[in-house]
Amino acid sequence: MNLAIVAYPNLDEVDRQWIELFRTKHDPQASRLGVHFTLVFPVVAVPSELEAEIALVAQSTQPIPFTIRGT
């Protein structure tokens, strides 16, 4: 199974809509996931083998604040 790790940003609704419109026009897979950042690109893995490690890292990692000023 292909697994990826993504983060869903907190966005103002107008920004979310703008990004989703852009994605719909340019990415044929846009409907598969909402607006996100890919942290780990897809790899072949078994979810049960990674679940504990992913949970440990997620619990011990603080949110990453950043600002996108332009596109």
PDB file of N, CA and C in Angstrom:
ATOM      1  N   MET A   1       0.840  -1.169   0.000  1.00  0.00           N
ATOM      2  CA  MET A   1       0.000   0.000   0.000  1.00  0.00           C
ATOM      3  C   MET A   1       0.893   1.244   0.000  1.00  0.00           C
ATOM      4  N   ASN A   2       0.501   2.253  -0.772  1.00  0.00           N
ATOM      5  CA  ASN A   2       1.225   3.526  -0.780  1.00  0.00           C
ATOM      6  C   ASN A   2       0.709   4.403   0.358  1.00  0.00           C
ATOM      7  N   LEU A   3       1.639   4.864   1.173  1.00  0.00           N
ATOM      8  CA  LEU A   3       1.296   5.745   2.287  1.00  0.00           C
ATOM      9  C   LEU A   3       2.071   7.045   2.172  1.00  0.00           C
ATOM     10  N   ALA A   4       1.415   8.135   2.562  1.00  0.00           N
ATOM     11  CA  ALA A   4       2.062   9.450   2.601  1.00  0.00           C
ATOM     12  C   ALA A   4       1.683  10.099   3.920  1.00  0.00           C
ATOM     13  N   ILE A   5       2.463  11.069   4.340  1.00  0.00           N
ATOM     14  CA  ILE A   5       2.125  11.849   5.528  1.00  0.00           C
ATOM     15  C   ILE A   5       1.910  13.285   5.074  1.00  0.00           C
ATOM     16  N   VAL A   6       0.736  13.815   5.404  1.00  0.00           N
ATOM     17  CA  VAL A   6       0.380  15.168   4.992  1.00  0.00           C
ATOM     18  C   VAL A   6      -0.037  15.978   6.214  1.00  0.00           C
ATOM     19  N   ALA A   7       0.041  17.297   6.072  1.00  0.00           N
ATOM     20  CA  ALA A   7      -0.414  18.220   7.113  1.00  0.00           C
ATOM     21  C   ALA A   7      -1.477  19.120   6.501  1.00  0.00           C
ATOM     22  N   TYR A   8      -2.527  19.343   7.256  1.00  0.00           N
ATOM     23  CA  TYR A   8      -3.610  20.207   6.807  1.00  0.00           C
ATOM     24  C   TYR A   8      -3.471  21.567   7.485  1.00  0.00           C
ATOM     25  N   PRO A   9      -3.215  22.625   6.713  1.00  0.00           N
ATOM     26  CA  PRO A   9      -3.013  23.953   7.315  1.00  0.00           C
ATOM     27  C   PRO A   9      -4.324  24.597   7.753  1.00  0.00           C
ATOM     28  N   ASN A  10      -4.222  25.485   8.727  1.00  0.00           N
ATOM     29  CA  ASN A  10      -5.356  26.325   9.121  1.00  0.00           C
ATOM     30  C   ASN A  10      -5.374  27.514   8.172  1.00  0.00           C
ATOM     31  N   LEU A  11      -6.451  27.660   7.423  1.00  0.00           N
ATOM     32  CA  LEU A  11      -6.547  28.726   6.423  1.00  0.00           C
ATOM     33  C   LEU A  11      -7.847  29.497   6.591  1.00  0.00           C
ATOM     34  N   ASP A  12      -7.819  30.765   6.205  1.00  0.00           N
ATOM     35  CA  ASP A  12      -9.064  31.512   6.082  1.00  0.00           C
ATOM     36  C   ASP A  12      -9.870  30.870   4.966  1.00  0.00           C
ATOM     37  N   GLU A  13     -11.181  30.910   5.069  1.00  0.00           N
ATOM     38  CA  GLU A  13     -12.035  30.226   4.087  1.00  0.00           C
ATOM     39  C   GLU A  13     -11.816  30.750   2.674  1.00  0.00           C
ATOM     40  N   VAL A  14     -11.610  32.051   2.514  1.00  0.00           N
ATOM     41  CA  VAL A  14     -11.393  32.608   1.177  1.00  0.00           C
ATOM     42  C   VAL A  14     -10.102  32.061   0.565  1.00  0.00           C
ATOM     43  N   ASP A  15      -9.066  31.893   1.375  1.00  0.00           N
ATOM     44  CA  ASP A  15      -7.805  31.326   0.880  1.00  0.00           C
ATOM     45  C   ASP A  15      -7.978  29.857   0.524  1.00  0.00           C
ATOM     46  N   ARG A  16      -8.696  29.116   1.368  1.00  0.00           N
ATOM     47  CA  ARG A  16      -8.940  27.706   1.097  1.00  0.00           C
ATOM     48  C   ARG A  16      -9.683  27.536  -0.237  1.00  0.00           C
ATOM     49  N   GLN A  17     -10.701  28.350  -0.448  1.00  0.00           N
ATOM     50  CA  GLN A  17     -11.475  28.260  -1.690  1.00  0.00           C
ATOM     51  C   GLN A  17     -10.612  28.580  -2.904  1.00  0.00           C
ATOM     52  N   TRP A  18      -9.749  29.597  -2.795  1.00  0.00           N
ATOM     53  CA  TRP A  18      -8.881  29.976  -3.910  1.00  0.00           C
ATOM     54  C   TRP A  18      -7.938  28.824  -4.256  1.00  0.00           C
ATOM     55  N   ILE A  19      -7.349  28.227  -3.233  1.00  0.00           N
ATOM     56  CA  ILE A  19      -6.416  27.119  -3.462  1.00  0.00           C
ATOM     57  C   ILE A  19      -7.154  25.920  -4.059  1.00  0.00           C
ATOM     58  N   GLU A  20      -8.329  25.595  -3.534  1.00  0.00           N
ATOM     59  CA  GLU A  20      -9.080  24.457  -4.054  1.00  0.00           C
ATOM     60  C   GLU A  20      -9.482  24.683  -5.518  1.00  0.00           C
ATOM     61  N   LEU A  21      -9.861  25.904  -5.872  1.00  0.00           N
ATOM     62  CA  LEU A  21     -10.207  26.205  -7.263  1.00  0.00           C
ATOM     63  C   LEU A  21      -9.000  25.998  -8.167  1.00  0.00           C
ATOM     64  N   PHE A  22      -7.847  26.492  -7.745  1.00  0.00           N
ATOM     65  CA  PHE A  22      -6.616  26.317  -8.516  1.00  0.00           C
ATOM     66  C   PHE A  22      -6.292  24.830  -8.667  1.00  0.00           C
ATOM     67  N   ARG A  23      -6.370  24.096  -7.580  1.00  0.00           N
ATOM     68  CA  ARG A  23      -6.062  22.667  -7.616  1.00  0.00           C
ATOM     69  C   ARG A  23      -7.025  21.924  -8.536  1.00  0.00           C
ATOM     70  N   THR A  24      -8.307  22.275  -8.483  1.00  0.00           N
ATOM     71  CA  THR A  24      -9.307  21.616  -9.329  1.00  0.00           C
ATOM     72  C   THR A  24      -8.993  21.816 -10.807  1.00  0.00           C
ATOM     73  N   LYS A  25      -8.506  22.999 -11.156  1.00  0.00           N
ATOM     74  CA  LYS A  25      -8.176  23.296 -12.551  1.00  0.00           C
ATOM     75  C   LYS A  25      -6.910  22.592 -13.020  1.00  0.00           C
ATOM     76  N   HIS A  26      -5.943  22.366 -12.128  1.00  0.00           N
ATOM     77  CA  HIS A  26      -4.618  21.915 -12.542  1.00  0.00           C
ATOM     78  C   HIS A  26      -4.188  20.537 -12.041  1.00  0.00           C
ATOM     79  N   ASP A  27      -4.929  19.959 -11.115  1.00  0.00           N
ATOM     80  CA  ASP A  27      -4.529  18.665 -10.545  1.00  0.00           C
ATOM     81  C   ASP A  27      -5.681  17.674 -10.658  1.00  0.00           C
ATOM     82  N   PRO A  28      -5.547  16.675 -11.517  1.00  0.00           N
ATOM     83  CA  PRO A  28      -6.649  15.724 -11.694  1.00  0.00           C
ATOM     84  C   PRO A  28      -6.952  14.908 -10.430  1.00  0.00           C
ATOM     85  N   GLN A  29      -6.058  14.924  -9.454  1.00  0.00           N
ATOM     86  CA  GLN A  29      -6.289  14.178  -8.224  1.00  0.00           C
ATOM     87  C   GLN A  29      -6.692  15.085  -7.054  1.00  0.00           C
ATOM     88  N   ALA A  30      -7.032  16.322  -7.342  1.00  0.00           N
ATOM     89  CA  ALA A  30      -7.334  17.297  -6.292  1.00  0.00           C
ATOM     90  C   ALA A  30      -8.460  16.849  -5.362  1.00  0.00           C
ATOM     91  N   SER A  31      -9.398  16.101  -5.864  1.00  0.00           N
ATOM     92  CA  SER A  31     -10.534  15.695  -5.034  1.00  0.00           C
ATOM     93  C   SER A  31     -10.172  14.600  -4.028  1.00  0.00           C
ATOM     94  N   ARG A  32      -8.997  14.013  -4.155  1.00  0.00           N
ATOM     95  CA  ARG A  32      -8.609  12.920  -3.256  1.00  0.00           C
ATOM     96  C   ARG A  32      -8.259  13.399  -1.852  1.00  0.00           C
ATOM     97  N   LEU A  33      -7.706  14.618  -1.743  1.00  0.00           N
ATOM     98  CA  LEU A  33      -7.327  15.213  -0.452  1.00  0.00           C
ATOM     99  C   LEU A  33      -7.612  16.700  -0.501  1.00  0.00           C
ATOM    100  N   GLY A  34      -7.986  17.258   0.638  1.00  0.00           N
ATOM    101  CA  GLY A  34      -8.158  18.701   0.710  1.00  0.00           C
ATOM    102  C   GLY A  34      -6.798  19.393   0.682  1.00  0.00           C
ATOM    103  N   VAL A  35      -6.816  20.714   0.796  1.00  0.00           N
ATOM    104  CA  VAL A  35      -5.580  21.504   0.811  1.00  0.00           C
ATOM    105  C   VAL A  35      -4.644  20.924   1.866  1.00  0.00           C
ATOM    106  N   HIS A  36      -3.407  20.645   1.446  1.00  0.00           N
ATOM    107  CA  HIS A  36      -2.455  20.011   2.363  1.00  0.00           C
ATOM    108  C   HIS A  36      -1.024  20.290   1.935  1.00  0.00           C
ATOM    109  N   PHE A  37      -0.111  20.003   2.844  1.00  0.00           N
ATOM    110  CA  PHE A  37       1.314  19.984   2.546  1.00  0.00           C
ATOM    111  C   PHE A  37       1.764  18.544   2.691  1.00  0.00           C
ATOM    112  N   THR A  38       2.523  18.063   1.732  1.00  0.00           N
ATOM    113  CA  THR A  38       3.047  16.710   1.825  1.00  0.00           C
ATOM    114  C   THR A  38       4.341  16.751   2.625  1.00  0.00           C
ATOM    115  N   LEU A  39       4.359  16.014   3.732  1.00  0.00           N
ATOM    116  CA  LEU A  39       5.542  15.962   4.584  1.00  0.00           C
ATOM    117  C   LEU A  39       6.419  14.765   4.229  1.00  0.00           C
ATOM    118  N   VAL A  40       5.786  13.653   3.881  1.00  0.00           N
ATOM    119  CA  VAL A  40       6.501  12.462   3.422  1.00  0.00           C
ATOM    120  C   VAL A  40       5.767  11.974   2.184  1.00  0.00           C
ATOM    121  N   PHE A  41       6.463  11.939   1.058  1.00  0.00           N
ATOM    122  CA  PHE A  41       5.849  11.500  -0.183  1.00  0.00           C
ATOM    123  C   PHE A  41       5.540  10.012  -0.118  1.00  0.00           C
ATOM    124  N   PRO A  42       4.582   9.556  -0.928  1.00  0.00           N
ATOM    125  CA  PRO A  42       4.135   8.165  -0.848  1.00  0.00           C
ATOM    126  C   PRO A  42       5.270   7.141  -0.946  1.00  0.00           C
ATOM    127  N   VAL A  43       5.161   6.155  -0.076  1.00  0.00           N
ATOM    128  CA  VAL A  43       6.076   5.018  -0.062  1.00  0.00           C
ATOM    129  C   VAL A  43       5.236   3.754   0.093  1.00  0.00           C
ATOM    130  N   VAL A  44       5.770   2.648  -0.356  1.00  0.00           N
ATOM    131  CA  VAL A  44       5.091   1.372  -0.154  1.00  0.00           C
ATOM    132  C   VAL A  44       5.373   0.924   1.270  1.00  0.00           C
ATOM    133  N   ALA A  45       4.314   0.739   2.063  1.00  0.00           N
ATOM    134  CA  ALA A  45       4.477   0.357   3.463  1.00  0.00           C
ATOM    135  C   ALA A  45       3.189  -0.282   3.971  1.00  0.00           C
ATOM    136  N   VAL A  46       3.303  -0.949   5.082  1.00  0.00           N
ATOM    137  CA  VAL A  46       2.154  -1.550   5.754  1.00  0.00           C
ATOM    138  C   VAL A  46       1.779  -0.635   6.918  1.00  0.00           C
ATOM    139  N   PRO A  47       0.553  -0.091   6.922  1.00  0.00           N
ATOM    140  CA  PRO A  47       0.178   0.874   7.958  1.00  0.00           C
ATOM    141  C   PRO A  47       0.431   0.382   9.380  1.00  0.00           C
ATOM    142  N   SER A  48       0.103  -0.851   9.676  1.00  0.00           N
ATOM    143  CA  SER A  48       0.263  -1.351  11.049  1.00  0.00           C
ATOM    144  C   SER A  48       1.722  -1.371  11.496  1.00  0.00           C
ATOM    145  N   GLU A  49       2.650  -1.459  10.539  1.00  0.00           N
ATOM    146  CA  GLU A  49       4.069  -1.472  10.889  1.00  0.00           C
ATOM    147  C   GLU A  49       4.612  -0.076  11.200  1.00  0.00           C
ATOM    148  N   LEU A  50       3.915   0.959  10.754  1.00  0.00           N
ATOM    149  CA  LEU A  50       4.381   2.333  10.952  1.00  0.00           C
ATOM    150  C   LEU A  50       3.577   3.115  11.980  1.00  0.00           C
ATOM    151  N   GLU A  51       2.418   2.615  12.334  1.00  0.00           N
ATOM    152  CA  GLU A  51       1.484   3.376  13.168  1.00  0.00           C
ATOM    153  C   GLU A  51       2.099   3.857  14.483  1.00  0.00           C
ATOM    154  N   ALA A  52       2.766   2.994  15.214  1.00  0.00           N
ATOM    155  CA  ALA A  52       3.331   3.385  16.510  1.00  0.00           C
ATOM    156  C   ALA A  52       4.411   4.455  16.352  1.00  0.00           C
ATOM    157  N   GLU A  53       5.271   4.303  15.358  1.00  0.00           N
ATOM    158  CA  GLU A  53       6.341   5.286  15.151  1.00  0.00           C
ATOM    159  C   GLU A  53       5.773   6.635  14.730  1.00  0.00           C
ATOM    160  N   ILE A  54       4.804   6.623  13.840  1.00  0.00           N
ATOM    161  CA  ILE A  54       4.185   7.873  13.396  1.00  0.00           C
ATOM    162  C   ILE A  54       3.501   8.569  14.568  1.00  0.00           C
ATOM    163  N   ALA A  55       2.777   7.825  15.397  1.00  0.00           N
ATOM    164  CA  ALA A  55       2.096   8.404  16.555  1.00  0.00           C
ATOM    165  C   ALA A  55       3.098   9.025  17.524  1.00  0.00           C
ATOM    166  N   LEU A  56       4.215   8.350  17.764  1.00  0.00           N
ATOM    167  CA  LEU A  56       5.240   8.859  18.670  1.00  0.00           C
ATOM    168  C   LEU A  56       5.821  10.176  18.154  1.00  0.00           C
ATOM    169  N   VAL A  57       6.144  10.219  16.881  1.00  0.00           N
ATOM    170  CA  VAL A  57       6.706  11.439  16.299  1.00  0.00           C
ATOM    171  C   VAL A  57       5.667  12.565  16.320  1.00  0.00           C
ATOM    172  N   ALA A  58       4.431  12.254  15.981  1.00  0.00           N
ATOM    173  CA  ALA A  58       3.383  13.283  15.964  1.00  0.00           C
ATOM    174  C   ALA A  58       3.148  13.856  17.358  1.00  0.00           C
ATOM    175  N   GLN A  59       3.181  13.017  18.382  1.00  0.00           N
ATOM    176  CA  GLN A  59       2.942  13.480  19.747  1.00  0.00           C
ATOM    177  C   GLN A  59       4.093  14.331  20.280  1.00  0.00           C
ATOM    178  N   SER A  60       5.285  14.110  19.770  1.00  0.00           N
ATOM    179  CA  SER A  60       6.456  14.821  20.302  1.00  0.00           C
ATOM    180  C   SER A  60       6.898  15.992  19.417  1.00  0.00           C
ATOM    181  N   THR A  61       6.127  16.299  18.396  1.00  0.00           N
ATOM    182  CA  THR A  61       6.497  17.366  17.467  1.00  0.00           C
ATOM    183  C   THR A  61       5.520  18.530  17.599  1.00  0.00           C
ATOM    184  N   GLN A  62       6.060  19.721  17.764  1.00  0.00           N
ATOM    185  CA  GLN A  62       5.243  20.929  17.858  1.00  0.00           C
ATOM    186  C   GLN A  62       4.788  21.354  16.458  1.00  0.00           C
ATOM    187  N   PRO A  63       3.649  22.057  16.378  1.00  0.00           N
ATOM    188  CA  PRO A  63       3.231  22.599  15.079  1.00  0.00           C
ATOM    189  C   PRO A  63       4.328  23.484  14.487  1.00  0.00           C
ATOM    190  N   ILE A  64       4.363  23.565  13.179  1.00  0.00           N
ATOM    191  CA  ILE A  64       5.368  24.346  12.465  1.00  0.00           C
ATOM    192  C   ILE A  64       4.694  25.620  11.946  1.00  0.00           C
ATOM    193  N   PRO A  65       4.929  26.764  12.616  1.00  0.00           N
ATOM    194  CA  PRO A  65       4.320  28.006  12.125  1.00  0.00           C
ATOM    195  C   PRO A  65       5.105  28.558  10.927  1.00  0.00           C
ATOM    196  N   PHE A  66       4.401  29.004   9.916  1.00  0.00           N
ATOM    197  CA  PHE A  66       5.044  29.658   8.781  1.00  0.00           C
ATOM    198  C   PHE A  66       4.010  30.453   8.014  1.00  0.00           C
ATOM    199  N   THR A  67       4.490  31.333   7.169  1.00  0.00           N
ATOM    200  CA  THR A  67       3.626  32.180   6.375  1.00  0.00           C
ATOM    201  C   THR A  67       4.035  32.087   4.916  1.00  0.00           C
ATOM    202  N   ILE A  68       3.060  31.927   4.049  1.00  0.00           N
ATOM    203  CA  ILE A  68       3.302  31.976   2.601  1.00  0.00           C
ATOM    204  C   ILE A  68       2.886  33.373   2.159  1.00  0.00           C
ATOM    205  N   ARG A  69       3.818  34.105   1.621  1.00  0.00           N
ATOM    206  CA  ARG A  69       3.549  35.500   1.249  1.00  0.00           C
ATOM    207  C   ARG A  69       3.180  35.681  -0.211  1.00  0.00           C
ATOM    208  N   GLY A  70       3.351  34.667  -1.020  1.00  0.00           N
ATOM    209  CA  GLY A  70       2.995  34.789  -2.430  1.00  0.00           C
ATOM    210  C   GLY A  70       3.012  33.442  -3.117  1.00  0.00           C
ATOM    211  N   THR A  71       2.399  33.433  -4.276  1.00  0.00           N
ATOM    212  CA  THR A  71       2.372  32.195  -5.053  1.00  0.00           C
ATOM    213  C   THR A  71       2.839  32.463  -6.464  1.00  0.00           C
TER     214      THR A  71
END
